[in-house]
Amino acid sequence: MNVFNMFLPLTIAIASVALATAAPTILRIRTVDGVLRVPLPNDDPNSTLSSILASAGVDLEESDLKCQVGLPGRATNGDNTSSTLDVSTLGTDGQKTASELGLKHGSMITILSPPMPKKKDSEESKSQTNAEVNNNSDRFDPFPDLAKSTSYSAASRRARALSRGVSRGMSYGDISRVRSTMHVVEPQPTGPLTRVYVCQVGAAKFQNHCIVNNHAAKKKSKQTTSSKKKAEQTAGVENRVALLFGTINKERVDQSRKKARTSLSTAREDEKMCEVAKVQAVWEPPLQKPTSNGKHYDDARLLSTYCAGGIPTASTSASKKESPTDRAIRVAGWLGMHPLGWMFSYADDDRHEDGDALPVHGRDAVVGAKLQIESMKRRGREEGCKFVTLALDGRIGATEAFQLSDVCVQMVAENVLSPPSLDEALKSTRFLELEDPIVISGEETKRLDSVLLLVNTAMLSHIGLYSGGSNAPIGGNVKRASGALLVKTRKRILAALEQGDGALKELCDFDILLALDMLIGREESEQLCLLVRKYARGQKKGTVLDGHLKLTLQSVLGG
């Protein structure tokens, strides 16, 4: 027993030494996410630095991966220097062993953060930002309160570029700033105009011009009954566009029957007033060329002359040939009118297939927004925003009136909304697919329903002052293609001039005044328009053509 007790302490000491030597070597890896504790692979002092970092889950494929033994900035090497180890795919320090680096139990390896972007890169980013700001400064914002200084795509790219050298993702602040560049689309209940009065004579004339008959088939003498029916069926609709000229007026909101008034009645000044648009003339640009066999109206004919011309001045008029649209705006100004909307026709059945029966689709909204933007440039933001869009069914003449929402016009100005491409299949453009997301009902989406871009507007009919009157021919007084006077129109005006009565009544037609403006001088045209304006507004007594104007009209009309 005494011998056993003698060797017992020695056995315990040997076991303790064996357990101590069997304990693994633990290394600490300091990353941006925290400190990791990993054992030395196979407890082998010849393990390479790359194998040690790989066991800690460090991505060795990064091109700029660097580390340091110990804490950053502290000398840990034997030569009292703090060196940076390059363990990237291009570096050679990853093959150094643990014994060469002096790693032991409890040693720390610090993964260094990637370097900040170079000054050159920041300067390039700054120059790109400045270029974008300059482009935005040249942009006209119809509604500055809704304008975005940069697009979602540019803001997202810039946020990702700035966060790449600092952390592994965008912060909540970066995400919030990127989200603030998205437009919020909500239904707009009202617009600047409460209702619009549409000239019924001009609308009927416009619808008549949309009807295209197959005259060549009718002229053939030898046809069977079936071929004649087929020729009648080929008579279809050729969609067209028109510019609406008129005035903006104020009237009472309540247009019910007038009540009997006494000395104790409330003054009319206390009644609520509203602004309305009165269409006095409907003008169709000449030489329209609808595409896809008349299925798509020629919006380029109107946009190219109305939006590209800008505000005409005396200097530009002398150096540049006046377009038909500029001439129409000039003559309308002499008559006290200005552009207050546009009208287009449609004949596709898909606009009334669903229960909503929405006649204005995405492509139409984009065209109307471009015209409204130009109107706001010409007349100012406050007056130019009073712009209406009329959609007319070319088959039956049913017309509906809308205004475009403020966010729709602003998105078109920022090119967030762009017109979809045309196709022969007449694919519906009610739902627009966008490149940048927008916010609808608190959710981000790239699919926009066109109904959110429209404001329903009440529509009433009347006879425009410069429509030719209720007795005007349904086909018009000028040629549909060129806008020149018809032969029967010339004869009717000459007869009125010879009789000396009713000439001004015949001239109360905007198309006739435009055709005469091309035949007579500008001064004579202005004098004629001022006389017609007085006559159309009720000042008929004493308003007559003088001898010079009468002789000028007779000479150009062939009298």
Protein backbone atom coordinates (compact mmCIF):
# COMPACT_ATOMS: atom_id res chain seq x y z
CA MET A 1 0.00 0.00 0.00
CA ASN A 2 2.79 2.35 0.78
CA VAL A 3 4.32 1.73 -2.67
CA PHE A 4 1.01 2.46 -4.32
CA ASN A 5 0.60 5.67 -2.43
CA MET A 6 4.09 6.65 -3.47
CA PHE A 7 3.40 6.34 -7.23
CA LEU A 8 -0.11 7.88 -7.18
CA PRO A 9 0.99 11.58 -7.34
CA LEU A 10 3.42 10.76 -10.09
CA THR A 11 0.64 9.14 -12.20
CA ILE A 12 -1.66 12.12 -11.76
CA ALA A 13 1.11 14.54 -12.80
CA ILE A 14 1.86 12.55 -15.94
CA ALA A 15 -1.85 12.50 -16.89
CA SER A 16 -2.12 16.26 -16.37
CA VAL A 17 0.86 16.89 -18.63
CA ALA A 18 -0.69 14.63 -21.31
CA LEU A 19 -4.00 16.49 -21.18
CA ALA A 20 -2.23 19.83 -21.38
CA THR A 21 -0.29 18.83 -24.47
CA ALA A 22 -3.46 17.45 -26.14
CA ALA A 23 -5.40 20.81 -25.90
CA PRO A 24 -5.84 22.38 -29.43
CA THR A 25 -4.36 25.72 -30.41
CA ILE A 26 -7.15 28.34 -30.67
CA LEU A 27 -6.69 31.39 -32.92
CA ARG A 28 -8.89 34.50 -33.03
CA ILE A 29 -10.00 35.93 -36.41
CA ARG A 30 -11.23 39.55 -36.22
CA THR A 31 -13.65 40.49 -39.07
CA VAL A 32 -16.05 43.38 -39.64
CA ASP A 33 -18.83 41.20 -38.21
CA GLY A 34 -17.01 40.32 -34.97
CA VAL A 35 -14.34 37.99 -33.56
CA LEU A 36 -14.32 34.29 -34.49
CA ARG A 37 -12.42 31.58 -32.59
CA VAL A 38 -11.13 28.74 -34.75
CA PRO A 39 -8.68 25.92 -33.98
CA LEU A 40 -5.42 25.61 -35.83
CA PRO A 41 -6.04 23.09 -38.65
CA ASN A 42 -4.84 19.66 -37.50
CA ASP A 43 -2.97 21.53 -34.76
CA ASP A 44 -0.13 21.69 -37.29
CA PRO A 45 2.26 24.68 -36.99
CA ASN A 46 2.94 24.30 -40.72
CA SER A 47 -0.65 25.19 -41.62
CA THR A 48 -0.80 28.04 -44.12
CA LEU A 49 -2.50 31.35 -43.51
CA SER A 50 -4.96 30.65 -46.32
CA SER A 51 -6.11 27.38 -44.72
CA ILE A 52 -6.57 29.12 -41.37
CA LEU A 53 -8.75 31.87 -42.92
CA ALA A 54 -10.69 29.33 -44.99
CA SER A 55 -11.57 27.39 -41.82
CA ALA A 56 -13.00 30.65 -40.45
CA GLY A 57 -15.25 31.07 -43.51
CA VAL A 58 -13.36 34.03 -45.01
CA ASP A 59 -13.91 34.48 -48.78
CA LEU A 60 -10.45 34.17 -50.33
CA GLU A 61 -11.70 35.12 -53.83
CA GLU A 62 -11.78 38.84 -53.06
CA SER A 63 -9.27 40.77 -55.10
CA ASP A 64 -8.22 43.13 -52.30
CA LEU A 65 -8.28 40.83 -49.23
CA LYS A 66 -5.61 41.80 -46.71
CA CYS A 67 -4.99 40.95 -43.06
CA GLN A 68 -2.61 41.63 -40.20
CA VAL A 69 -1.41 39.63 -37.21
CA GLY A 70 -2.63 41.36 -34.08
CA LEU A 71 -4.73 44.49 -33.78
CA PRO A 72 -4.51 47.15 -36.52
CA GLY A 73 -1.66 49.60 -35.96
CA ARG A 74 0.13 47.56 -33.33
CA ALA A 75 3.57 46.02 -33.84
CA THR A 76 3.39 42.24 -33.50
CA ASN A 77 6.28 40.93 -35.63
CA GLY A 78 9.58 39.95 -34.20
CA ASP A 79 11.33 42.87 -35.88
CA ASN A 80 8.94 45.27 -34.11
CA THR A 81 7.09 46.12 -37.33
CA SER A 82 3.44 45.86 -38.15
CA SER A 83 3.23 44.45 -41.71
CA THR A 84 0.12 43.94 -43.87
CA LEU A 85 -0.32 40.50 -45.38
CA ASP A 86 -1.80 40.17 -48.86
CA VAL A 87 -3.86 36.97 -48.99
CA SER A 88 -5.75 37.78 -52.18
CA THR A 89 -5.58 35.64 -55.29
CA LEU A 90 -2.69 37.78 -56.56
CA GLY A 91 -0.78 37.85 -53.25
CA THR A 92 1.81 35.35 -51.91
CA ASP A 93 1.42 35.86 -48.16
CA GLY A 94 -1.34 33.26 -48.01
CA GLN A 95 1.28 30.46 -48.21
CA LYS A 96 3.09 31.52 -45.06
CA THR A 97 2.82 29.04 -42.21
CA ALA A 98 1.67 29.61 -38.66
CA SER A 99 5.19 29.06 -37.31
CA GLU A 100 6.62 31.67 -39.72
CA LEU A 101 4.05 34.19 -38.58
CA GLY A 102 4.61 33.36 -34.92
CA LEU A 103 1.04 32.30 -34.31
CA LYS A 104 0.33 30.58 -31.02
CA HIS A 105 -2.59 29.87 -28.77
CA GLY A 106 -4.72 33.04 -28.46
CA SER A 107 -3.08 34.94 -31.33
CA MET A 108 -5.33 37.33 -33.31
CA ILE A 109 -5.52 37.79 -37.07
CA THR A 110 -7.34 41.00 -38.18
CA ILE A 111 -9.06 41.16 -41.57
CA LEU A 112 -8.52 44.69 -42.84
CA SER A 113 -11.37 46.66 -44.40
CA PRO A 114 -11.18 47.37 -48.15
CA PRO A 115 -9.61 50.71 -49.00
CA MET A 116 -11.83 53.71 -49.59
CA PRO A 117 -12.51 54.71 -53.23
CA LYS A 118 -9.77 56.70 -54.83
CA LYS A 119 -10.07 60.42 -55.22
CA LYS A 120 -10.21 59.97 -58.97
CA ASP A 121 -13.28 57.74 -58.67
CA SER A 122 -14.97 60.21 -56.38
CA GLU A 123 -14.20 63.01 -58.80
CA GLU A 124 -15.68 60.97 -61.67
CA SER A 125 -18.77 60.27 -59.60
CA LYS A 126 -18.98 63.95 -58.74
CA SER A 127 -18.66 64.92 -62.40
CA GLN A 128 -21.41 62.47 -63.34
CA THR A 129 -23.62 63.90 -60.61
CA ASN A 130 -22.92 67.43 -61.82
CA ALA A 131 -23.74 66.42 -65.40
CA GLU A 132 -27.02 64.92 -64.23
CA VAL A 133 -27.81 68.06 -62.25
CA ASN A 134 -27.11 70.18 -65.33
CA ASN A 135 -29.45 68.01 -67.40
CA ASN A 136 -32.14 68.36 -64.74
CA SER A 137 -31.59 72.12 -64.63
CA ASP A 138 -32.38 72.32 -68.35
CA ARG A 139 -35.53 70.23 -67.84
CA PHE A 140 -38.85 72.03 -67.52
CA ASP A 141 -40.77 70.82 -64.46
CA PRO A 142 -44.49 71.50 -64.90
CA PHE A 143 -45.10 70.76 -61.21
CA PRO A 144 -41.92 71.53 -59.21
CA ASP A 145 -43.44 70.22 -55.97
CA LEU A 146 -43.61 66.73 -57.49
CA ALA A 147 -40.26 66.89 -59.30
CA LYS A 148 -37.44 64.47 -58.45
CA SER A 149 -33.87 65.72 -58.62
CA THR A 150 -32.62 62.39 -59.93
CA SER A 151 -34.07 59.18 -61.28
CA TYR A 152 -34.46 55.98 -59.30
CA SER A 153 -31.89 54.16 -61.44
CA ALA A 154 -29.24 56.84 -60.97
CA ALA A 155 -29.90 57.11 -57.23
CA SER A 156 -29.74 53.34 -56.80
CA ARG A 157 -26.46 53.05 -58.72
CA ARG A 158 -24.89 55.86 -56.73
CA ALA A 159 -26.00 54.39 -53.39
CA ARG A 160 -24.57 50.99 -54.26
CA ALA A 161 -21.29 52.53 -55.42
CA LEU A 162 -20.87 54.53 -52.21
CA SER A 163 -21.73 51.59 -49.96
CA ARG A 164 -19.38 49.16 -51.70
CA GLY A 165 -16.26 50.45 -49.96
CA VAL A 166 -17.79 50.99 -46.52
CA SER A 167 -20.00 48.01 -45.74
CA ARG A 168 -21.51 44.96 -47.36
CA GLY A 169 -24.87 46.61 -48.15
CA MET A 170 -26.91 49.79 -48.16
CA SER A 171 -28.06 51.21 -44.85
CA TYR A 172 -31.66 52.01 -44.00
CA GLY A 173 -30.90 55.66 -44.66
CA ASP A 174 -29.61 54.86 -48.16
CA ILE A 175 -32.70 52.76 -48.90
CA SER A 176 -34.95 55.57 -47.68
CA ARG A 177 -33.18 58.12 -49.87
CA VAL A 178 -33.46 55.86 -52.91
CA ARG A 179 -37.16 55.29 -52.22
CA SER A 180 -37.73 59.05 -52.04
CA THR A 181 -36.86 59.25 -55.76
CA MET A 182 -39.93 57.17 -56.66
CA HIS A 183 -43.10 58.92 -57.74
CA VAL A 184 -46.21 58.25 -55.67
CA VAL A 185 -49.21 57.71 -57.96
CA GLU A 186 -52.61 58.23 -56.37
CA PRO A 187 -56.06 58.94 -57.83
CA GLN A 188 -56.59 62.68 -58.29
CA PRO A 189 -60.23 63.59 -57.65
CA THR A 190 -60.37 67.02 -59.29
CA GLY A 191 -58.48 69.12 -61.78
CA PRO A 192 -58.19 72.86 -62.43
CA LEU A 193 -61.28 72.75 -64.69
CA THR A 194 -64.70 71.78 -63.38
CA ARG A 195 -66.31 71.14 -66.78
CA VAL A 196 -65.72 71.60 -70.47
CA TYR A 197 -68.10 72.83 -73.19
CA VAL A 198 -67.39 70.98 -76.44
CA CYS A 199 -68.43 72.41 -79.79
CA GLN A 200 -70.92 69.93 -81.20
CA VAL A 201 -70.44 71.19 -84.76
CA GLY A 202 -66.67 70.76 -84.58
CA ALA A 203 -66.95 67.31 -82.98
CA ALA A 204 -69.40 66.13 -85.66
CA LYS A 205 -67.11 67.44 -88.40
CA PHE A 206 -64.12 65.69 -86.81
CA GLN A 207 -66.00 62.40 -86.61
CA ASN A 208 -67.10 62.73 -90.25
CA HIS A 209 -63.48 63.15 -91.33
CA CYS A 210 -62.59 59.91 -89.54
CA ILE A 211 -64.96 57.90 -91.73
CA VAL A 212 -63.16 56.54 -94.80
CA ASN A 213 -65.22 55.08 -97.65
CA ASN A 214 -63.91 52.78 -100.32
CA HIS A 215 -64.82 54.92 -103.33
CA ALA A 216 -62.75 52.82 -105.72
CA ALA A 217 -64.86 49.77 -104.99
CA LYS A 218 -68.08 51.71 -105.58
CA LYS A 219 -66.96 52.96 -109.00
CA LYS A 220 -66.56 49.46 -110.42
CA SER A 221 -69.56 48.69 -112.57
CA LYS A 222 -69.23 44.92 -112.83
CA GLN A 223 -69.58 43.57 -109.34
CA THR A 224 -71.53 40.73 -107.85
CA THR A 225 -73.82 41.16 -104.88
CA SER A 226 -71.31 39.58 -102.53
CA SER A 227 -68.50 41.86 -103.73
CA LYS A 228 -70.68 44.92 -103.20
CA LYS A 229 -71.39 43.87 -99.63
CA LYS A 230 -67.69 43.33 -99.09
CA ALA A 231 -66.96 46.84 -100.43
CA GLU A 232 -69.48 48.30 -97.99
CA GLN A 233 -67.79 46.48 -95.15
CA THR A 234 -64.38 47.91 -96.07
CA ALA A 235 -65.61 51.39 -95.19
CA GLY A 236 -63.86 51.95 -91.84
CA VAL A 237 -62.39 54.52 -89.51
CA GLU A 238 -59.13 56.39 -89.97
CA ASN A 239 -58.13 57.74 -86.58
CA ARG A 240 -57.11 61.39 -86.45
CA VAL A 241 -56.04 64.09 -83.99
CA ALA A 242 -57.15 67.70 -83.55
CA LEU A 243 -56.18 70.72 -81.49
CA LEU A 244 -58.89 72.47 -79.47
CA PHE A 245 -59.03 76.27 -79.42
CA GLY A 246 -61.19 78.22 -77.03
CA THR A 247 -61.32 80.25 -73.85
CA ILE A 248 -61.26 79.70 -70.09
CA ASN A 249 -64.27 81.25 -68.34
CA LYS A 250 -65.67 81.46 -64.84
CA GLU A 251 -69.24 80.57 -64.01
CA ARG A 252 -71.33 79.48 -61.06
CA VAL A 253 -70.89 75.93 -59.86
CA ASP A 254 -74.64 75.52 -59.46
CA GLN A 255 -76.17 75.93 -62.93
CA SER A 256 -79.71 75.06 -61.88
CA ARG A 257 -82.72 77.21 -62.75
CA LYS A 258 -82.49 80.76 -61.53
CA LYS A 259 -84.48 81.57 -58.44
CA ALA A 260 -86.72 84.57 -58.00
CA ARG A 261 -84.72 87.41 -56.54
CA THR A 262 -85.82 90.11 -54.10
CA SER A 263 -84.10 92.89 -52.27
CA LEU A 264 -83.30 90.45 -49.47
CA SER A 265 -81.76 87.79 -51.74
CA THR A 266 -78.12 86.83 -51.36
CA ALA A 267 -75.79 88.64 -53.71
CA ARG A 268 -74.44 86.58 -56.62
CA GLU A 269 -70.89 87.46 -55.65
CA ASP A 270 -71.25 85.13 -52.68
CA GLU A 271 -72.04 82.12 -54.88
CA LYS A 272 -69.30 79.62 -55.49
CA MET A 273 -67.59 80.03 -58.86
CA CYS A 274 -65.57 77.57 -60.94
CA GLU A 275 -63.43 77.62 -64.08
CA VAL A 276 -64.67 75.99 -67.27
CA ALA A 277 -63.21 75.48 -70.74
CA LYS A 278 -65.26 76.47 -73.79
CA VAL A 279 -64.12 74.94 -77.07
CA GLN A 280 -64.90 77.42 -79.84
CA ALA A 281 -63.09 75.70 -82.73
CA VAL A 282 -61.68 72.26 -83.54
CA TRP A 283 -58.64 72.36 -85.83
CA GLU A 284 -57.19 69.29 -87.56
CA PRO A 285 -53.53 69.51 -88.62
CA PRO A 286 -53.19 68.96 -92.39
CA LEU A 287 -51.36 66.08 -94.06
CA GLN A 288 -52.05 63.55 -91.29
CA LYS A 289 -50.80 60.04 -92.05
CA PRO A 290 -52.28 57.50 -89.65
CA THR A 291 -50.28 54.28 -89.39
CA SER A 292 -51.40 50.63 -89.40
CA ASN A 293 -54.13 51.26 -91.99
CA GLY A 294 -55.58 54.14 -90.01
CA LYS A 295 -55.64 52.32 -86.67
CA HIS A 296 -53.05 54.59 -85.00
CA TYR A 297 -53.52 58.34 -85.25
CA ASP A 298 -50.63 60.51 -86.42
CA ASP A 299 -49.62 62.16 -83.15
CA ALA A 300 -46.17 63.00 -84.55
CA ARG A 301 -47.76 65.48 -86.97
CA LEU A 302 -49.09 67.48 -84.02
CA LEU A 303 -46.21 67.00 -81.57
CA SER A 304 -43.48 67.85 -84.07
CA THR A 305 -44.96 71.26 -84.86
CA TYR A 306 -46.56 72.21 -81.53
CA CYS A 307 -43.89 71.02 -79.08
CA ALA A 308 -40.77 71.60 -81.17
CA GLY A 309 -41.58 75.08 -82.37
CA GLY A 310 -41.64 76.81 -79.01
CA ILE A 311 -43.03 80.27 -78.48
CA PRO A 312 -42.91 82.09 -81.84
CA THR A 313 -41.33 85.54 -81.89
CA ALA A 314 -40.71 88.13 -84.57
CA SER A 315 -37.08 87.05 -85.01
CA THR A 316 -37.86 83.33 -85.26
CA SER A 317 -40.74 83.96 -87.65
CA ALA A 318 -38.44 85.86 -90.01
CA SER A 319 -35.70 83.20 -90.01
CA LYS A 320 -37.87 80.08 -89.84
CA LYS A 321 -40.80 79.07 -91.99
CA GLU A 322 -44.05 79.17 -90.08
CA SER A 323 -45.61 75.77 -89.55
CA PRO A 324 -49.37 75.16 -89.93
CA THR A 325 -49.70 74.80 -86.15
CA ASP A 326 -47.95 78.12 -85.50
CA ARG A 327 -50.22 79.77 -88.07
CA ALA A 328 -53.29 78.33 -86.37
CA ILE A 329 -52.12 79.58 -82.96
CA ARG A 330 -51.44 83.04 -84.40
CA VAL A 331 -54.85 83.34 -86.03
CA ALA A 332 -56.54 81.97 -82.91
CA GLY A 333 -54.81 84.65 -80.87
CA TRP A 334 -56.35 87.36 -83.06
CA LEU A 335 -59.74 85.78 -82.36
CA GLY A 336 -59.13 85.76 -78.60
CA MET A 337 -58.53 82.01 -78.33
CA HIS A 338 -55.65 79.77 -77.29
CA PRO A 339 -55.00 75.99 -77.28
CA LEU A 340 -56.82 74.44 -74.31
CA GLY A 341 -56.78 70.75 -75.21
CA TRP A 342 -56.65 68.10 -77.88
CA MET A 343 -58.94 65.44 -79.33
CA PHE A 344 -58.21 62.01 -80.75
CA SER A 345 -60.36 59.26 -82.22
CA TYR A 346 -60.25 55.52 -81.66
CA ALA A 347 -62.01 52.54 -83.16
CA ASP A 348 -60.58 49.49 -81.35
CA ASP A 349 -63.02 47.37 -79.38
CA ASP A 350 -60.69 46.54 -76.50
CA ARG A 351 -61.28 49.93 -74.88
CA HIS A 352 -64.84 48.88 -74.00
CA GLU A 353 -64.37 45.19 -73.31
CA ASP A 354 -63.92 45.57 -69.57
CA GLY A 355 -66.45 47.03 -67.18
CA ASP A 356 -64.51 50.29 -66.78
CA ALA A 357 -64.80 51.17 -70.50
CA LEU A 358 -61.71 53.38 -70.35
CA PRO A 359 -61.22 55.21 -73.69
CA VAL A 360 -57.88 56.84 -72.78
CA HIS A 361 -54.93 54.46 -72.53
CA GLY A 362 -51.27 54.91 -71.65
CA ARG A 363 -50.12 56.03 -75.09
CA ASP A 364 -52.85 58.66 -75.27
CA ALA A 365 -51.99 59.95 -71.79
CA VAL A 366 -48.33 60.40 -72.74
CA VAL A 367 -49.22 62.36 -75.89
CA GLY A 368 -51.64 64.57 -73.94
CA ALA A 369 -49.05 65.19 -71.23
CA LYS A 370 -46.49 66.34 -73.80
CA LEU A 371 -49.00 68.77 -75.28
CA GLN A 372 -49.88 70.08 -71.80
CA ILE A 373 -46.20 70.58 -70.96
CA GLU A 374 -45.76 72.70 -74.08
CA SER A 375 -48.91 74.64 -73.21
CA MET A 376 -47.49 75.35 -69.73
CA LYS A 377 -44.26 76.56 -71.33
CA ARG A 378 -46.15 78.93 -73.61
CA ARG A 379 -48.76 80.28 -71.15
CA GLY A 380 -47.18 79.64 -67.76
CA ARG A 381 -47.74 76.89 -65.22
CA GLU A 382 -50.89 78.38 -63.69
CA GLU A 383 -52.77 78.88 -66.97
CA GLY A 384 -51.20 76.17 -69.10
CA CYS A 385 -52.28 73.38 -66.75
CA LYS A 386 -55.92 74.01 -67.77
CA PHE A 387 -55.75 71.44 -70.54
CA VAL A 388 -58.33 68.81 -71.52
CA THR A 389 -58.20 65.53 -73.43
CA LEU A 390 -61.19 64.44 -75.50
CA ALA A 391 -61.57 60.84 -76.67
CA LEU A 392 -64.01 60.31 -79.55
CA ASP A 393 -65.27 56.97 -80.80
CA GLY A 394 -64.78 57.28 -84.55
CA ARG A 395 -67.58 54.82 -85.29
CA ILE A 396 -70.48 56.45 -83.43
CA GLY A 397 -69.11 59.84 -82.31
CA ALA A 398 -69.43 59.27 -78.55
CA THR A 399 -67.04 61.61 -76.76
CA GLU A 400 -65.63 61.70 -73.22
CA ALA A 401 -63.55 64.37 -71.51
CA PHE A 402 -60.64 63.94 -69.11
CA GLN A 403 -57.85 65.89 -67.51
CA LEU A 404 -54.43 64.44 -66.76
CA SER A 405 -53.22 64.17 -63.18
CA ASP A 406 -50.33 66.34 -62.03
CA VAL A 407 -48.06 63.37 -61.32
CA CYS A 408 -48.71 62.00 -64.82
CA VAL A 409 -47.53 65.22 -66.47
CA GLN A 410 -44.48 65.44 -64.20
CA MET A 411 -43.48 61.82 -64.86
CA VAL A 412 -43.68 62.42 -68.61
CA ALA A 413 -41.46 65.50 -68.19
CA GLU A 414 -38.89 63.30 -66.38
CA ASN A 415 -39.18 60.49 -68.99
CA VAL A 416 -40.45 58.09 -66.35
CA LEU A 417 -43.45 57.52 -68.62
CA SER A 418 -42.61 56.93 -72.25
CA PRO A 419 -45.03 56.03 -75.07
CA PRO A 420 -45.14 52.30 -75.79
CA SER A 421 -44.09 51.10 -79.21
CA LEU A 422 -46.70 50.68 -81.93
CA ASP A 423 -47.68 47.26 -83.15
CA GLU A 424 -49.91 45.93 -85.89
CA ALA A 425 -51.86 43.77 -83.42
CA LEU A 426 -53.16 46.87 -81.61
CA LYS A 427 -52.03 45.57 -78.25
CA SER A 428 -53.76 47.40 -75.43
CA THR A 429 -51.65 50.02 -73.65
CA ARG A 430 -53.90 50.50 -70.67
CA PHE A 431 -51.26 48.92 -68.39
CA LEU A 432 -47.82 50.44 -68.81
CA GLU A 433 -44.60 48.58 -67.99
CA LEU A 434 -42.09 51.04 -66.49
CA GLU A 435 -38.31 50.86 -66.23
CA ASP A 436 -38.18 52.51 -62.79
CA PRO A 437 -40.54 51.49 -59.97
CA ILE A 438 -43.23 53.78 -58.58
CA VAL A 439 -45.29 53.65 -55.39
CA ILE A 440 -48.99 52.79 -55.61
CA SER A 441 -50.95 52.26 -52.38
CA GLY A 442 -47.69 52.01 -50.45
CA GLU A 443 -46.24 49.25 -52.67
CA GLU A 444 -43.44 49.44 -55.21
CA THR A 445 -44.42 48.32 -58.69
CA LYS A 446 -43.41 48.70 -62.32
CA ARG A 447 -46.91 48.13 -63.71
CA LEU A 448 -49.16 51.19 -63.93
CA ASP A 449 -52.87 51.28 -64.69
CA SER A 450 -53.73 54.24 -66.94
CA VAL A 451 -56.91 54.96 -64.99
CA LEU A 452 -54.73 56.41 -62.19
CA LEU A 453 -53.46 59.08 -64.61
CA LEU A 454 -56.89 60.51 -65.50
CA VAL A 455 -59.26 62.99 -63.88
CA ASN A 456 -62.91 62.64 -64.87
CA THR A 457 -64.32 65.92 -66.21
CA ALA A 458 -67.94 66.84 -66.83
CA MET A 459 -68.71 67.62 -70.47
CA LEU A 460 -71.48 69.74 -71.99
CA SER A 461 -72.18 70.63 -75.61
CA HIS A 462 -72.61 74.01 -77.28
CA ILE A 463 -72.08 75.63 -80.66
CA GLY A 464 -68.65 77.25 -80.96
CA LEU A 465 -68.34 80.85 -82.06
CA TYR A 466 -65.98 79.93 -84.89
CA SER A 467 -67.44 76.59 -85.99
CA GLY A 468 -69.49 77.96 -88.90
CA GLY A 469 -72.79 77.79 -87.02
CA SER A 470 -75.41 75.09 -86.84
CA ASN A 471 -75.93 75.26 -90.62
CA ALA A 472 -72.28 74.50 -91.44
CA PRO A 473 -71.75 71.55 -93.81
CA ILE A 474 -70.93 68.32 -92.00
CA GLY A 475 -67.94 67.71 -94.26
CA GLY A 476 -66.43 71.12 -93.57
CA ASN A 477 -65.55 74.08 -95.75
CA VAL A 478 -61.94 73.14 -96.52
CA LYS A 479 -60.11 70.13 -97.89
CA ARG A 480 -59.27 67.58 -95.22
CA ALA A 481 -55.74 66.90 -96.47
CA SER A 482 -54.41 70.38 -97.27
CA GLY A 483 -56.80 72.80 -95.55
CA ALA A 484 -57.46 74.76 -98.75
CA LEU A 485 -60.90 76.23 -99.47
CA LEU A 486 -63.41 74.12 -101.34
CA VAL A 487 -64.82 75.44 -104.63
CA LYS A 488 -68.35 75.61 -103.23
CA THR A 489 -67.05 77.53 -100.22
CA ARG A 490 -65.40 80.10 -102.48
CA LYS A 491 -68.61 80.57 -104.44
CA ARG A 492 -70.68 80.95 -101.28
CA ILE A 493 -68.39 83.63 -99.82
CA LEU A 494 -68.26 85.52 -103.15
CA ALA A 495 -72.05 85.52 -103.34
CA ALA A 496 -72.27 86.91 -99.81
CA LEU A 497 -69.72 89.62 -100.63
CA GLU A 498 -71.66 90.69 -103.72
CA GLN A 499 -74.93 90.86 -101.81
CA GLY A 500 -73.22 92.90 -99.09
CA ASP A 501 -74.99 91.04 -96.29
CA GLY A 502 -73.99 87.88 -94.51
CA ALA A 503 -70.33 87.89 -95.47
CA LEU A 504 -69.11 88.08 -91.87
CA LYS A 505 -71.51 85.30 -90.91
CA GLU A 506 -69.94 83.07 -93.54
CA LEU A 507 -66.48 83.98 -92.27
CA CYS A 508 -67.22 82.86 -88.67
CA ASP A 509 -65.39 79.62 -89.38
CA PHE A 510 -61.87 79.04 -88.08
CA ASP A 511 -60.94 76.80 -91.02
CA ILE A 512 -62.01 79.47 -93.52
CA LEU A 513 -60.01 82.17 -91.73
CA LEU A 514 -56.92 79.94 -91.75
CA ALA A 515 -57.29 79.26 -95.46
CA LEU A 516 -57.69 82.99 -96.18
CA ASP A 517 -54.63 83.77 -94.04
CA MET A 518 -52.53 81.83 -96.56
CA LEU A 519 -53.97 83.88 -99.45
CA ILE A 520 -53.89 87.45 -98.12
CA GLY A 521 -51.33 89.53 -96.25
CA ARG A 522 -50.81 89.33 -92.50
CA GLU A 523 -52.13 92.84 -91.86
CA GLU A 524 -55.29 92.21 -93.86
CA SER A 525 -55.73 88.87 -92.11
CA GLU A 526 -55.45 90.47 -88.68
CA GLN A 527 -57.99 93.17 -89.57
CA LEU A 528 -60.39 90.53 -90.90
CA CYS A 529 -60.03 88.40 -87.75
CA LEU A 530 -60.73 91.39 -85.49
CA LEU A 531 -63.91 92.19 -87.43
CA VAL A 532 -65.05 88.56 -87.29
CA ARG A 533 -64.31 88.48 -83.55
CA LYS A 534 -66.53 91.50 -82.92
CA TYR A 535 -69.29 90.07 -85.08
CA ALA A 536 -69.17 86.61 -83.43
CA ARG A 537 -69.42 88.15 -79.95
CA GLY A 538 -72.62 89.98 -80.77
CA GLN A 539 -71.38 93.37 -81.96
CA LYS A 540 -73.10 93.01 -85.33
CA LYS A 541 -74.36 96.56 -85.65
CA GLY A 542 -71.75 98.71 -87.36
CA THR A 543 -69.35 95.82 -87.98
CA VAL A 544 -68.87 95.69 -91.76
CA LEU A 545 -66.08 94.99 -94.18
CA ASP A 546 -64.39 98.08 -95.60
CA GLY A 547 -63.79 98.49 -99.28
CA HIS A 548 -60.14 97.41 -99.18
CA LEU A 549 -60.83 94.12 -97.38
CA LYS A 550 -63.80 93.37 -99.59
CA LEU A 551 -61.79 93.96 -102.76
CA THR A 552 -58.90 91.85 -101.41
CA LEU A 553 -61.20 88.92 -100.65
CA GLN A 554 -62.87 89.10 -104.05
CA SER A 555 -59.49 89.08 -105.80
CA VAL A 556 -58.09 86.05 -103.95
CA LEU A 557 -61.36 84.11 -104.22
CA GLY A 558 -61.53 84.55 -107.97
CA GLY A 559 -64.38 87.07 -108.13
